[in-house]
Protein backbone atom coordinates (compact mmCIF):
# COMPACT_ATOMS: atom_id res chain seq x y z
CA MET A 1 42.59 10.84 49.53
CA ASN A 2 43.56 13.78 47.25
CA ARG A 3 41.10 16.12 45.55
CA GLN A 4 41.36 14.16 42.19
CA GLY A 5 40.59 10.96 43.94
CA PHE A 6 37.46 12.46 45.50
CA ALA A 7 36.35 13.67 42.12
CA VAL A 8 36.72 10.27 40.49
CA LEU A 9 34.90 8.61 43.38
CA GLY A 10 32.09 11.25 43.13
CA CYS A 11 31.67 10.66 39.39
CA SER A 12 31.64 6.86 39.88
CA LEU A 13 28.91 7.13 42.58
CA PHE A 14 26.79 9.47 40.30
CA VAL A 15 27.03 7.04 37.38
CA PHE A 16 26.21 4.12 39.62
CA CYS A 17 23.20 5.86 41.21
CA PHE A 18 21.90 7.21 37.85
CA ALA A 19 22.12 3.79 36.23
CA GLY A 20 20.33 2.30 39.20
CA MET A 21 17.54 4.85 38.88
CA ALA A 22 17.15 4.22 35.18
CA THR A 23 17.03 0.42 35.71
CA GLY A 24 14.45 0.97 38.46
CA ALA A 25 12.38 3.12 36.15
CA GLU A 26 12.41 0.44 33.45
CA GLU A 27 11.44 -2.23 35.93
CA ALA A 28 8.55 -0.05 37.15
CA CYS A 29 7.29 0.31 33.52
CA ILE A 30 7.39 -3.39 33.01
CA THR A 31 5.82 -4.26 36.42
CA CYS A 32 2.95 -1.85 35.88
CA HIS A 33 2.29 -2.86 32.29
CA ARG A 34 2.25 -6.54 33.13
CA THR A 35 -1.14 -5.74 34.71
CA ILE A 36 -2.31 -2.96 32.40
CA SER A 37 -1.26 -4.32 28.99
CA PRO A 38 0.19 -7.83 29.61
CA GLY A 39 0.23 -8.68 25.90
CA GLN A 40 2.68 -5.85 25.15
CA VAL A 41 5.04 -6.94 27.89
CA ALA A 42 4.81 -10.60 26.78
CA ASP A 43 5.77 -9.59 23.21
CA TRP A 44 8.64 -7.52 24.51
CA ASP A 45 9.82 -10.29 26.80
CA PHE A 46 10.50 -12.70 23.96
CA SER A 47 11.83 -9.99 21.59
CA ARG A 48 15.39 -9.34 20.48
CA HIS A 49 14.99 -5.87 22.13
CA SER A 50 14.57 -7.52 25.48
CA ALA A 51 17.62 -9.67 24.96
CA GLU A 52 19.63 -6.61 23.99
CA ASP A 53 18.28 -4.58 27.01
CA VAL A 54 16.49 -2.16 24.76
CA THR A 55 13.98 -1.17 27.36
CA CYS A 56 10.82 0.91 27.46
CA SER A 57 12.42 4.40 27.88
CA VAL A 58 14.68 3.87 24.84
CA CYS A 59 11.67 4.16 22.56
CA HIS A 60 9.06 5.78 24.78
CA GLY A 61 11.10 8.28 26.85
CA GLU A 62 11.01 8.85 30.59
CA GLU A 63 8.26 11.40 30.96
CA HIS A 64 5.35 8.95 31.53
CA THR A 65 5.50 7.70 35.08
CA ASP A 66 1.87 7.06 36.15
CA ALA A 67 -1.72 6.52 34.93
CA GLN A 68 -2.49 10.26 34.61
CA ASP A 69 0.42 11.24 32.41
CA PHE A 70 0.21 8.48 29.85
CA ARG A 71 0.02 10.95 27.00
CA GLU A 72 3.61 11.95 27.85
CA ALA A 73 4.81 8.54 26.59
CA ILE A 74 6.47 9.05 23.24
CA LEU A 75 5.07 6.97 20.42
CA PRO A 76 8.22 6.41 18.40
CA ASP A 77 8.33 7.07 14.69
CA GLU A 78 10.66 5.54 12.09
CA HIS A 79 13.54 7.85 12.98
CA VAL A 80 13.75 6.17 16.47
CA CYS A 81 14.03 2.78 14.73
CA ALA A 82 16.61 4.18 12.37
CA GLN A 83 19.01 4.93 15.22
CA CYS A 84 19.78 1.19 15.31
CA HIS A 85 18.43 -0.01 11.95
CA GLU A 86 19.79 2.64 9.52
CA GLU A 87 20.22 0.40 6.58
CA GLN A 88 16.63 -0.86 6.72
CA PHE A 89 15.28 2.67 7.16
CA SER A 90 17.27 4.00 4.20
CA SER A 91 16.07 1.27 1.85
CA PHE A 92 12.51 1.77 3.16
CA VAL A 93 12.36 5.39 2.32
CA ARG A 94 13.37 4.53 -1.28
CA GLY A 95 10.53 2.07 -1.81
CA LYS A 96 6.90 2.49 -2.55
CA HIS A 97 5.69 1.60 0.96
CA ASN A 98 7.10 4.93 2.02
CA PHE A 99 4.60 6.68 -0.24
CA GLY A 100 1.55 4.98 1.36
CA TRP A 101 0.43 7.87 3.50
CA SER A 102 1.15 10.55 0.84
CA THR A 103 -0.71 8.58 -1.80
CA LEU A 104 -3.73 8.18 0.44
CA ASN A 105 -3.91 12.00 1.04
CA ALA A 106 -3.36 12.73 -2.61
CA LEU A 107 -6.45 10.75 -3.69
CA PRO A 108 -9.54 12.95 -3.99
CA VAL A 109 -11.83 10.32 -2.53
CA THR A 110 -9.92 10.42 0.76
CA HIS A 111 -11.29 13.89 1.47
CA VAL A 112 -14.91 12.97 1.09
CA GLU A 113 -14.84 9.77 3.19
CA PRO A 114 -15.19 9.54 7.02
CA ASP A 115 -12.06 10.46 8.85
CA GLU A 116 -12.29 7.21 10.92
CA LEU A 117 -11.71 5.22 7.78
CA MET A 118 -8.80 7.31 6.68
CA GLU A 119 -6.81 8.94 9.46
CA GLY A 120 -8.43 6.69 12.02
CA GLY A 121 -6.97 3.61 10.28
CA ARG A 122 -9.97 1.33 10.12
CA GLY A 123 -10.25 1.71 6.37
CA CYS A 124 -7.68 2.82 3.81
CA GLY A 125 -5.61 4.38 6.53
CA GLY A 126 -5.09 1.05 8.21
CA CYS A 127 -2.63 0.13 5.52
CA HIS A 128 -1.81 3.41 3.99
CA ASN A 129 -0.40 4.55 7.40
CA MET A 130 2.87 3.41 5.79
CA GLY A 131 5.24 6.26 5.03
CA VAL A 132 7.49 8.67 7.06
CA LYS A 133 5.29 11.64 7.96
CA SER A 134 6.34 15.26 8.24
CA ASP A 135 6.05 17.09 11.55
CA ALA A 136 2.95 18.89 10.14
CA GLN A 137 1.28 15.57 9.16
CA LYS A 138 1.95 14.10 12.60
CA LYS A 139 0.55 17.25 14.30
CA GLU A 140 -2.56 17.08 12.25
CA GLN A 141 -3.05 13.46 13.31
CA ARG A 142 -2.60 14.24 16.94
CA ASP A 143 -4.92 17.22 16.78
CA LYS A 144 -7.64 14.96 15.45
CA GLY A 145 -7.07 12.50 18.33
CA TYR A 146 -5.27 9.82 16.32
CA ARG A 147 -2.07 8.96 18.22
CA TYR A 148 -1.16 5.49 16.98
CA GLN A 149 -0.46 5.71 13.23
CA ASN A 150 3.03 7.18 13.83
CA ASN A 151 5.29 4.39 12.62
CA SER A 152 5.61 2.32 9.40
CA CYS A 153 7.91 -0.30 10.83
CA ASP A 154 5.27 -1.77 13.05
CA GLU A 155 3.04 -2.61 10.05
CA CYS A 156 5.22 -5.59 9.37
CA HIS A 157 7.31 -5.97 12.58
CA THR A 158 4.31 -5.64 14.96
CA ARG A 159 4.62 -4.09 18.40
CA HIS A 160 6.27 -4.98 20.75
CA SER A 161 7.99 -8.06 19.49
CA PHE A 162 9.28 -6.33 16.27
CA ALA A 163 10.27 -9.87 15.18
CA LYS A 164 12.21 -10.35 11.91
CA LYS A 165 10.72 -13.79 11.51
CA GLU A 166 7.16 -12.40 11.70
CA ALA A 167 7.87 -9.82 8.97
CA GLN A 168 9.41 -12.51 6.82
CA ASP A 169 6.27 -14.64 6.98
CA PRO A 170 4.02 -14.16 3.97
CA ARG A 171 1.07 -13.82 6.30
CA ALA A 172 2.53 -10.53 7.40
CA CYS A 173 1.66 -9.20 3.96
CA GLN A 174 -1.90 -10.56 4.04
CA GLN A 175 -3.37 -7.83 6.18
CA CYS A 176 -2.94 -5.26 3.51
CA HIS A 177 -2.50 -7.18 0.21
CA MET A 178 -5.87 -8.85 0.12
CA GLY A 179 -9.54 -8.02 -0.67
CA TYR A 180 -11.32 -5.79 -3.22
CA ASP A 181 -8.62 -4.12 -5.35
CA HIS A 182 -5.39 -5.94 -4.39
CA PRO A 183 -6.10 -9.60 -3.57
CA GLN A 184 -2.44 -10.71 -3.95
CA TRP A 185 -2.75 -12.86 -0.86
CA GLU A 186 -5.65 -14.74 -2.31
CA MET A 187 -3.89 -15.06 -5.67
CA TRP A 188 -0.60 -16.27 -4.20
CA SER A 189 -1.95 -18.55 -1.57
CA SER A 190 -4.30 -20.39 -3.99
CA ALA A 191 -1.65 -20.60 -6.81
CA LYS A 192 1.27 -22.99 -7.18
CA HIS A 193 3.76 -20.89 -5.28
CA GLY A 194 1.52 -20.53 -2.20
CA THR A 195 0.36 -24.12 -2.35
CA ARG A 196 3.97 -25.38 -2.20
CA TRP A 197 4.69 -23.06 0.75
CA PHE A 198 1.75 -24.42 2.74
CA VAL A 199 2.68 -28.01 1.90
CA LYS A 200 6.27 -27.32 2.89
CA GLN A 201 5.08 -25.79 6.19
CA GLY A 202 3.17 -29.03 6.78
CA GLY A 203 6.39 -31.03 6.50
CA ARG A 204 5.39 -32.72 3.20
CA LEU A 205 8.31 -31.15 1.22
CA PRO A 206 12.00 -31.23 2.05
CA GLU A 207 13.49 -28.19 3.72
CA ASN A 208 15.38 -27.10 0.53
CA ALA A 209 12.24 -27.37 -1.66
CA GLN A 210 11.53 -24.18 -3.63
CA ALA A 211 8.34 -22.46 -2.29
CA PRO A 212 8.57 -18.71 -3.11
CA ILE A 213 6.89 -16.20 -0.72
CA CYS A 214 6.08 -12.52 -1.14
CA GLN A 215 9.28 -11.28 0.41
CA GLU A 216 11.56 -13.37 -1.78
CA CYS A 217 10.04 -11.83 -4.85
CA HIS A 218 9.36 -8.29 -3.74
CA LEU A 219 11.80 -7.67 -0.90
CA PRO A 220 14.71 -9.93 -1.75
CA ASP A 221 17.82 -10.29 0.38
CA GLY A 222 16.26 -8.38 3.22
CA THR A 223 15.88 -5.07 1.33
CA HIS A 224 13.01 -2.82 2.44
CA GLU A 225 12.87 -1.09 -0.95
CA ASN A 226 10.01 -2.50 -3.03
CA ARG A 227 8.68 -1.38 -6.39
CA THR A 228 6.96 -3.11 -9.36
CA ALA A 229 7.23 -2.60 -13.08
CA TRP A 230 3.54 -1.92 -13.66
CA GLY A 231 2.81 -0.33 -10.34
CA PHE A 232 -0.55 -0.28 -8.58
CA LEU A 233 -2.53 1.68 -11.19
CA GLY A 234 -1.38 -0.57 -14.06
CA VAL A 235 -0.34 2.24 -16.35
CA ARG A 236 3.07 3.56 -17.44
CA LEU A 237 4.89 5.80 -19.85
CA PRO A 238 6.04 6.10 -22.56
CA LEU A 239 2.99 5.12 -24.54
CA PRO A 240 3.33 1.80 -26.47
CA GLU A 241 4.14 1.67 -30.22
CA ASP A 242 0.88 -0.13 -30.89
CA LYS A 243 -1.56 2.65 -31.90
CA GLN A 244 -4.71 1.11 -30.48
CA TRP A 245 -3.08 0.27 -27.12
CA ALA A 246 -1.56 3.79 -27.01
CA ALA A 247 -5.01 5.28 -27.53
CA ASP A 248 -6.55 3.02 -24.91
CA ARG A 249 -3.95 3.99 -22.36
CA VAL A 250 -4.48 7.66 -23.06
CA THR A 251 -8.24 7.10 -22.38
CA ILE A 252 -7.43 5.43 -19.02
CA LEU A 253 -5.05 8.25 -18.13
CA LYS A 254 -7.84 10.73 -18.82
CA ALA A 255 -10.15 8.84 -16.53
CA LEU A 256 -7.44 8.84 -13.84
CA GLY A 257 -7.39 12.58 -14.14
CA VAL A 258 -3.74 12.94 -15.22
CA LEU A 259 -4.54 13.97 -18.73
CA ASN A 260 -7.00 16.67 -19.72
CA PRO A 261 -9.87 14.81 -21.46
CA GLU A 262 -10.40 17.75 -23.78
CA THR A 263 -6.90 18.53 -24.87
CA GLY A 264 -4.86 15.47 -23.87
CA GLU A 265 -2.42 17.71 -22.00
CA PRO A 266 -1.06 16.73 -18.64
CA THR A 267 -2.87 18.08 -15.56
CA ALA A 268 -1.52 18.96 -12.11
CA ARG A 269 -2.57 15.43 -10.94
CA LEU A 270 0.17 13.95 -13.20
CA GLU A 271 2.76 15.86 -11.17
CA VAL A 272 1.40 14.32 -8.05
CA VAL A 273 1.60 10.90 -9.52
CA LYS A 274 5.23 11.52 -10.56
CA SER A 275 6.19 12.85 -7.14
CA LEU A 276 4.76 9.75 -5.40
CA ASP A 277 6.47 7.22 -7.64
CA MET A 278 3.17 5.63 -8.56
CA VAL A 279 4.08 4.81 -12.14
CA ARG A 280 7.17 4.05 -14.17
CA LEU A 281 7.67 7.19 -16.34
CA THR A 282 10.46 5.89 -18.71
CA GLU A 283 11.18 2.70 -20.54
CA GLU A 284 14.42 2.51 -18.63
CA ALA A 285 12.59 2.62 -15.25
CA TRP A 286 10.10 0.06 -16.32
CA LEU A 287 12.90 -2.25 -17.64
CA THR A 288 14.86 -1.91 -14.45
CA GLU A 289 12.01 -3.34 -12.35
CA ARG A 290 11.15 -5.97 -15.01
CA ASN A 291 14.75 -7.19 -15.11
CA LYS A 292 14.87 -7.40 -11.34
CA MET A 293 11.82 -9.65 -11.40
CA ILE A 294 13.28 -11.82 -14.15
CA LYS A 295 16.45 -12.23 -12.13
CA THR A 296 14.28 -13.31 -9.20
CA CYS A 297 12.19 -15.76 -11.28
CA ALA A 298 15.45 -17.19 -12.69
CA LYS A 299 16.45 -18.47 -9.31
CA CYS A 300 13.97 -21.28 -9.94
CA HIS A 301 13.08 -21.10 -13.64
CA SER A 302 14.99 -20.57 -16.82
CA GLU A 303 15.35 -16.88 -17.87
CA ASN A 304 13.57 -17.55 -21.15
CA TYR A 305 10.59 -19.10 -19.36
CA ALA A 306 10.43 -16.12 -16.95
CA ARG A 307 10.51 -13.60 -19.79
CA GLU A 308 7.81 -15.55 -21.68
CA GLN A 309 5.48 -15.76 -18.67
CA LEU A 310 5.86 -12.05 -17.82
CA ALA A 311 5.18 -11.15 -21.44
CA TYR A 312 1.88 -13.04 -21.21
CA GLY A 313 0.92 -10.64 -18.46
CA ASP A 314 1.84 -7.63 -20.63
CA SER A 315 -0.23 -9.00 -23.47
CA MET A 316 -3.25 -9.56 -21.14
CA MET A 317 -2.84 -5.97 -19.91
CA GLN A 318 -3.23 -4.77 -23.48
CA LYS A 319 -6.49 -6.77 -23.96
CA ALA A 320 -7.84 -5.58 -20.63
CA ASP A 321 -7.04 -1.96 -21.54
CA ARG A 322 -9.09 -2.32 -24.73
CA LEU A 323 -12.17 -3.32 -22.76
CA MET A 324 -11.52 -0.66 -20.19
CA ALA A 325 -11.08 2.11 -22.69
CA GLU A 326 -14.31 1.14 -24.49
CA ALA A 327 -16.21 1.34 -21.26
CA ILE A 328 -14.72 4.69 -20.27
CA GLU A 329 -15.60 6.17 -23.68
CA ILE A 330 -19.25 5.07 -23.28
CA VAL A 331 -19.60 6.69 -19.91
CA ALA A 332 -17.66 9.78 -21.07
CA GLY A 333 -20.23 10.09 -23.93
CA LEU A 334 -23.04 10.37 -21.33
CA TYR A 335 -21.14 13.25 -19.71
CA LYS A 336 -20.62 14.96 -23.03
CA GLU A 337 -24.35 14.73 -23.86
CA GLY A 338 -25.30 16.12 -20.41
CA ILE A 339 -27.12 12.93 -19.42
CA ILE A 340 -24.66 12.70 -16.49
CA GLN A 341 -24.07 16.10 -14.90
CA ARG A 342 -20.47 16.94 -13.83
CA PRO A 343 -20.21 16.95 -10.02
CA GLU A 344 -18.99 20.28 -8.64
CA ASN A 345 -15.64 18.98 -7.49
CA TYR A 346 -14.79 17.04 -10.71
CA ALA A 347 -12.27 18.84 -12.77
CA PHE A 348 -13.93 17.80 -16.04
CA ALA A 349 -17.23 16.48 -17.37
CA TYR A 350 -15.62 13.05 -17.54
CA PRO A 351 -15.55 10.00 -15.31
CA ASP A 352 -13.00 10.34 -12.49
CA LEU A 353 -11.83 6.86 -11.27
CA LEU A 354 -10.01 8.28 -8.31
CA TYR A 355 -13.19 9.16 -6.54
CA PHE A 356 -13.86 5.43 -6.31
CA MET A 357 -17.51 4.72 -5.40
CA ARG A 358 -18.18 8.31 -4.43
CA THR A 359 -19.16 9.08 -8.03
CA GLY A 360 -20.95 12.26 -7.08
CA GLY A 361 -17.67 13.71 -5.88
CA GLY A 362 -18.84 13.22 -2.26
CA ASN A 363 -22.47 14.24 -2.83
CA MET A 364 -24.54 11.17 -1.87
CA ALA A 365 -27.63 12.62 -3.62
CA ARG A 366 -25.80 12.73 -7.04
CA MET A 367 -24.04 9.41 -7.29
CA SER A 368 -23.87 7.80 -10.72
CA HIS A 369 -24.50 4.08 -10.87
CA ILE A 370 -22.93 3.64 -14.24
CA ASP A 371 -19.81 5.31 -12.95
CA GLN A 372 -19.77 2.88 -10.03
CA VAL A 373 -19.83 -0.07 -12.39
CA LEU A 374 -16.98 1.50 -14.34
CA LEU A 375 -14.96 1.92 -11.13
CA GLU A 376 -15.50 -1.71 -10.17
CA MET A 377 -14.44 -2.71 -13.67
CA TYR A 378 -11.19 -0.77 -13.31
CA MET A 379 -10.35 -1.07 -9.62
CA LYS A 380 -11.55 -4.64 -8.99
CA HIS A 381 -11.74 -6.64 -12.21
CA ARG A 382 -9.00 -5.08 -14.32
CA MET A 383 -6.64 -5.36 -11.33
CA ARG A 384 -7.40 -8.99 -10.93
CA THR A 385 -7.01 -9.68 -14.61
CA TYR A 386 -3.43 -8.50 -14.80
CA GLN A 387 -2.28 -9.14 -11.22
CA ALA A 388 -3.44 -12.77 -11.49
CA PHE A 389 -1.25 -13.28 -14.56
CA PHE A 390 1.80 -12.08 -12.67
CA HIS A 391 0.87 -14.18 -9.66
CA VAL A 392 0.07 -17.19 -11.88
CA ASN A 393 -3.48 -17.77 -10.71
CA PRO A 394 -5.72 -19.08 -13.42
CA ASP A 395 -9.09 -18.72 -11.71
CA TYR A 396 -8.46 -15.11 -10.66
CA ALA A 397 -7.23 -14.17 -14.08
CA TYR A 398 -10.35 -15.51 -15.80
CA TRP A 399 -13.44 -15.71 -13.53
CA TYR A 400 -12.61 -13.00 -11.12
CA GLY A 401 -10.91 -10.85 -13.68
CA TRP A 402 -11.40 -11.02 -17.40
CA ALA A 403 -14.85 -12.60 -17.35
CA MET A 404 -16.09 -9.99 -14.95
CA MET A 405 -14.62 -7.14 -17.08
CA THR A 406 -16.70 -8.46 -20.02
CA LYS A 407 -19.76 -8.57 -17.79
CA ASP A 408 -19.13 -5.01 -16.64
CA LEU A 409 -18.84 -3.78 -20.24
CA GLY A 410 -22.12 -5.42 -21.13
CA GLU A 411 -23.79 -3.82 -18.11
CA ILE A 412 -22.35 -0.41 -18.99
CA LYS A 413 -23.65 -0.72 -22.61
CA GLU A 414 -27.16 -1.67 -21.35
CA LEU A 415 -27.18 1.14 -18.71
CA ALA A 416 -26.12 3.71 -21.33
CA HIS A 417 -28.87 2.53 -23.70
CA THR A 418 -31.47 2.85 -20.97
CA MET A 419 -30.20 6.25 -19.80
CA ARG A 420 -30.26 7.69 -23.36
CA ALA A 421 -33.82 6.29 -23.84
CA ALA A 422 -34.92 7.91 -20.55
CA ALA A 423 -33.36 11.17 -21.59
CA ARG A 424 -35.25 11.15 -24.94
CA MET A 425 -38.53 10.53 -23.16
CA GLU A 426 -37.97 13.50 -20.88
CA LYS A 427 -37.60 15.96 -23.76
C-alpha cells in the first residue's frame, strides 16, 4: 500500500474511533442519569431531539464525566438552541418575552425583595427569567449560586422533552399568566373561548370547531414575537384627545414614576420603559398591534364586530383611569401635606406604584397602608377591569375588576379622612 493509502486508512480509523468514543460517552451519560434523574432521560427519550440523535453533549458539552464534576456540565442558553432554531430565536428576541428579565431588574421593588424570590426564581423571577441575558448578568447569577435560570426556551418547551405540542397547549401559558396581577388564564379558561376549547378537548365538538387558544391570538403561525397594543401597564402615548382622559393618564404616569409629579417632565424611568418596549409610544405603534389583533379576531368574527368589541375595552380603560387618577390624587395630597412622609429611596413625595406592596421603599417600619390599597387598585383590580374586557370575561370585568376598583376608591377616601383627622388631633 502506498503512503497516500496509509494516510487515508489512518484518517478513517481515527474518525471511526473518535465517533465510537463520542457515542460511548453519550451512552454513559444516559445510563448514569437513568438512575440519578430518570425523569430527565424519560423526557429526552420521547423527544424529537432523541429521534434526531441530538444527545447530551450537544447541549451540555463533554467536560462533565462523573458525580464530582457535575458543575462542568454546560447549562445551555438560548444561543445553543439558536444553532438549530434560528428563526424561532430571531422572532423571540423581537418580542416582549425577551424583555422579562430586564424588566424585572428595572423595577425598584425587585431590589428590596428577597433574592430567592427574584434571582432564585420562586417568585417574580420564576416567570421573569425570560429574556436573553448578557454575560455579566449570567455571571452575577452564577456568583449568587443560581445556575438554572439560564434559558428562556425551556419556559414553554420544558426540559428535556422540548416538545412543540407542549408549548402549543394553552396550559403552557398558565404557569405565568395567572394570579394576582395577570389572571389571563383564569379569564380565558372561564370565558367562551376557553370553555369551547375544554369542550372540544372532551370530544363534544367536531375537530374543525373554532376554539381559540392563547397561542393563536398572541403567537399566531408559530411566531415567537409577541406584543400587545396596551401592554402590561395599560398606558400608552400619545395622550388621548379627550382632556379628562389625558389628565388622568398623566396622573397615572406620574405614579409610575415616568413623569415628574411636580413639573410633568419625563424622568429617567421613562427612558427605561422605552428601552424595554413596555408601552406603545406612538399612535402608529399602537395601531400596528391593534390591527394585528383585529386580523386575528376576523378569522372567526366579522371585522366590524372585532373592532366594536375591542373599542369597548378602550372605553372601559378610560373609565377605569378616571377612578384610578382620583385615587392617586387623594394619596398624593397626603404626601403633599406631609401626612405621609416620603421614603428615602422614593424620587418624589408622591405614591410610587412600582414599589408594589413595599410602600416604605423597602423599609418595613414605614409602610403606608393607603398606598398598599392604591397599589392593589392599580395592579390587581384595574388590570382585571381592562384585561377581562379583552378576554371577554364578564365576571372578571365587573366583580373582580370594576366593582373592586370602586370599593378601593371608597376605602382610600375613608382612610384619607381618618388620617387627616388624626393629623389634626396631633397638632
